[in-house]
Protein backbone atom coordinates (compact mmCIF):
# COMPACT_ATOMS: atom_id res chain seq x y z
CA UNK A 1 -21.58 29.91 -36.48
CA UNK A 2 -23.93 27.72 -38.45
CA UNK A 3 -24.59 24.06 -37.89
CA UNK A 4 -22.64 21.28 -39.60
CA UNK A 5 -24.81 19.92 -42.41
CA UNK A 6 -22.77 16.79 -43.14
CA UNK A 7 -23.14 13.25 -41.82
CA UNK A 8 -23.72 13.46 -38.06
CA UNK A 9 -22.14 11.33 -35.39
CA UNK A 10 -18.70 9.84 -34.90
CA UNK A 11 -16.85 8.50 -37.91
CA UNK A 12 -14.64 5.43 -38.04
CA UNK A 13 -12.10 4.07 -40.49
CA UNK A 14 -12.53 0.71 -42.19
CA UNK A 15 -9.07 -0.82 -42.42
CA UNK A 16 -10.12 -3.15 -45.24
CA UNK A 17 -11.71 -0.73 -47.70
CA UNK A 18 -10.01 2.56 -46.70
CA UNK A 19 -13.55 3.92 -46.19
CA UNK A 20 -14.34 6.45 -43.48
CA UNK A 21 -17.77 7.19 -42.03
CA UNK A 22 -20.36 6.38 -39.37
CA UNK A 23 -21.24 2.84 -38.38
CA UNK A 24 -24.48 1.43 -39.74
CA UNK A 25 -27.22 0.97 -37.15
CA UNK A 26 -29.65 -0.56 -39.64
CA UNK A 27 -31.07 -3.91 -38.60
CA UNK A 28 -29.74 -5.77 -41.62
CA UNK A 29 -26.49 -7.26 -42.97
CA UNK A 30 -24.80 -3.82 -42.82
CA UNK A 31 -25.18 -3.46 -39.02
CA UNK A 32 -21.88 -2.31 -37.50
CA UNK A 33 -20.20 -1.71 -40.86
CA UNK A 34 -18.61 1.61 -41.79
CA UNK A 35 -20.91 3.49 -44.17
CA UNK A 36 -18.33 5.49 -46.16
CA UNK A 37 -18.59 9.23 -46.63
CA UNK A 38 -14.95 9.35 -47.80
CA UNK A 39 -12.10 7.10 -48.88
CA UNK A 40 -8.38 7.53 -48.41
CA UNK A 41 -6.61 7.23 -51.74
CA UNK A 42 -3.88 4.68 -52.07
CA UNK A 43 -0.48 5.73 -50.82
CA UNK A 44 2.56 3.53 -51.21
CA UNK A 45 3.33 4.22 -47.54
CA UNK A 46 0.62 2.53 -45.46
CA UNK A 47 1.58 4.61 -42.41
CA UNK A 48 0.70 7.82 -44.28
CA UNK A 49 -2.57 6.31 -45.51
CA UNK A 50 -3.57 5.28 -41.97
CA UNK A 51 -2.60 8.69 -40.55
CA UNK A 52 -4.75 10.44 -43.17
CA UNK A 53 -7.67 8.11 -42.44
CA UNK A 54 -7.37 8.72 -38.68
CA UNK A 55 -7.42 12.51 -39.15
CA UNK A 56 -10.46 12.41 -41.44
CA UNK A 57 -12.31 10.05 -39.08
CA UNK A 58 -11.64 12.43 -36.18
CA UNK A 59 -12.98 15.49 -38.05
CA UNK A 60 -16.53 15.51 -36.59
CA UNK A 61 -15.18 15.12 -33.05
CA UNK A 62 -12.57 17.84 -33.61
CA UNK A 63 -15.24 20.23 -34.91
CA UNK A 64 -17.44 19.53 -31.88
CA UNK A 65 -14.49 20.12 -29.53
CA UNK A 66 -13.62 23.44 -31.19
CA UNK A 67 -17.24 24.63 -31.07
CA UNK A 68 -17.40 23.67 -27.38
CA UNK A 69 -14.09 25.37 -26.52
CA UNK A 70 -14.63 28.64 -28.41
CA UNK A 71 -16.78 30.38 -25.77
CA UNK A 72 -14.30 29.40 -23.07
CA UNK A 73 -11.24 30.94 -24.73
CA UNK A 74 -10.01 34.07 -22.97
CA UNK A 75 -10.96 37.14 -24.96
CA UNK A 76 -7.50 38.50 -24.26
CA UNK A 77 -6.04 35.84 -26.58
CA UNK A 78 -7.28 37.08 -29.93
CA UNK A 79 -4.90 34.82 -31.85
CA UNK A 80 -6.31 31.63 -30.29
CA UNK A 81 -9.86 32.79 -30.93
CA UNK A 82 -9.03 33.63 -34.53
CA UNK A 83 -7.39 30.23 -35.15
CA UNK A 84 -10.36 28.35 -33.67
CA UNK A 85 -12.91 30.45 -35.55
CA UNK A 86 -11.04 29.95 -38.84
CA UNK A 87 -10.85 26.17 -38.29
CA UNK A 88 -14.59 26.02 -37.57
CA UNK A 89 -15.38 28.09 -40.67
CA UNK A 90 -13.19 25.82 -42.79
CA UNK A 91 -14.93 22.72 -41.45
CA UNK A 92 -18.33 24.27 -42.19
CA UNK A 93 -17.28 25.26 -45.70
CA UNK A 94 -17.41 29.01 -45.08
């Protein structure tokens, strides 16, 4: 598998702007603010909007967990390996 080329690190959701991304570590007025790499489009149902934002914000951590778990999957379970490999490929844009 190849390395993720997107924005590294954990992502967070900004409740106010619907932005999702890493937190700024710059020593200026942006310190601690979410630096958006994505936005959740408006949905009339705020619960759906928040659920979508949570899933997108978790994406880098989910990819890292899948990449960590893949070598530990039993080779006898080809279906599990296939599902994990396909999810990793999808996340890497393959």
